[in-house]
Protein backbone atom coordinates (compact mmCIF):
# COMPACT_ATOMS: atom_id res chain seq x y z
CA MET A 1 0.26 -6.34 -18.72
CA LEU A 2 0.89 -8.96 -15.92
CA SER A 3 -2.30 -10.58 -14.70
CA ILE A 4 -3.13 -9.55 -11.04
CA GLU A 5 -1.54 -12.84 -9.42
CA GLU A 6 1.66 -12.49 -11.59
CA ALA A 7 1.81 -8.93 -10.43
CA VAL A 8 1.43 -9.74 -6.67
CA VAL A 9 3.98 -12.77 -7.20
CA ASP A 10 6.31 -10.21 -8.88
CA THR A 11 6.07 -7.53 -6.03
CA LEU A 12 6.47 -10.19 -3.43
CA GLN A 13 9.58 -11.62 -5.16
CA ARG A 14 11.09 -8.14 -5.48
CA CYS A 15 10.24 -6.76 -1.95
CA GLY A 16 9.83 -9.78 0.20
CA PRO A 17 7.08 -10.42 2.55
CA CYS A 18 4.78 -7.00 2.62
CA CYS A 19 1.67 -5.94 4.28
CA LEU A 20 -1.47 -6.15 1.92
CA GLU A 21 -1.46 -2.10 2.09
CA ASP A 22 1.97 -2.13 0.67
CA VAL A 23 1.17 -4.69 -2.20
CA VAL A 24 -2.09 -2.47 -2.91
CA THR A 25 0.14 0.72 -3.18
CA SER A 26 2.65 -1.12 -5.68
CA LEU A 27 0.13 -1.90 -8.04
CA PRO A 28 -1.70 1.18 -9.06
CA ASN A 29 -3.34 -0.44 -12.08
CA PHE A 30 -5.55 -2.82 -9.88
CA SER A 31 -7.85 -1.53 -7.24
CA TRP A 32 -7.80 -2.54 -3.33
CA GLY A 33 -10.71 -5.00 -4.10
CA GLU A 34 -8.87 -6.63 -6.96
CA VAL A 35 -5.82 -7.12 -5.00
CA PHE A 36 -7.57 -8.51 -1.94
CA LEU A 37 -9.60 -10.88 -4.06
CA ALA A 38 -6.44 -12.17 -5.75
CA VAL A 39 -4.33 -12.53 -2.60
CA ASP A 40 -7.46 -14.10 -0.94
CA ARG A 41 -7.40 -16.79 -3.74
CA MET A 42 -3.96 -17.27 -3.81
CA SER A 43 -3.96 -17.95 0.08
CA ARG A 44 -6.53 -20.38 -0.36
CA ARG A 45 -4.54 -22.36 -3.40
CA GLY A 46 -1.52 -22.28 -1.04
CA ARG A 47 0.49 -19.69 -3.09
CA VAL A 48 0.94 -17.07 -0.35
CA SER A 49 0.84 -17.30 3.54
CA LEU A 50 -0.93 -14.65 5.53
CA LEU A 51 0.27 -13.56 8.96
CA GLU A 52 -1.92 -11.48 11.15
CA LEU A 53 0.25 -8.52 12.61
CA GLY A 54 -2.56 -6.70 14.51
CA CYS A 55 -5.99 -5.64 13.98
CA SER A 56 -6.77 -5.84 10.23
CA THR A 57 -3.09 -5.87 9.29
CA TYR A 58 -1.93 -8.86 7.45
CA GLN A 59 1.55 -9.57 6.06
CA ILE A 60 1.75 -11.67 2.76
CA THR A 61 4.47 -13.98 2.07
CA LEU A 62 5.02 -15.96 -1.24
CA ARG A 63 5.30 -19.55 -0.62
CA ALA A 64 8.89 -21.03 -1.77
CA GLN A 65 7.18 -23.49 -4.06
CA PHE A 66 5.20 -20.98 -5.86
CA GLY A 67 7.94 -18.49 -6.66
CA GLN A 68 7.73 -19.27 -10.36
CA LEU A 69 4.34 -19.07 -12.03
CA THR A 70 5.09 -21.53 -14.80
CA PRO A 71 5.23 -25.30 -13.38
CA ALA A 72 8.66 -26.84 -13.50
CA THR A 73 9.33 -29.47 -16.19
CA ASN A 74 10.81 -32.69 -15.21
């Protein structure tokens, strides 16, 4: 089973930018709160960007440099 952050990244890679509710709906094994906390954590680390679309509606976008969870080897 994927970690919650891996599952969020997978969803964003498959679907592109999504609203938080769409990400939550696509991850039925996790609660709304778990997804929210993961997205918050990822946003603070710069892994995803959040764009406010309206009252309490946010679009989540995967930052390009974080498209892969494993670090690139040089």
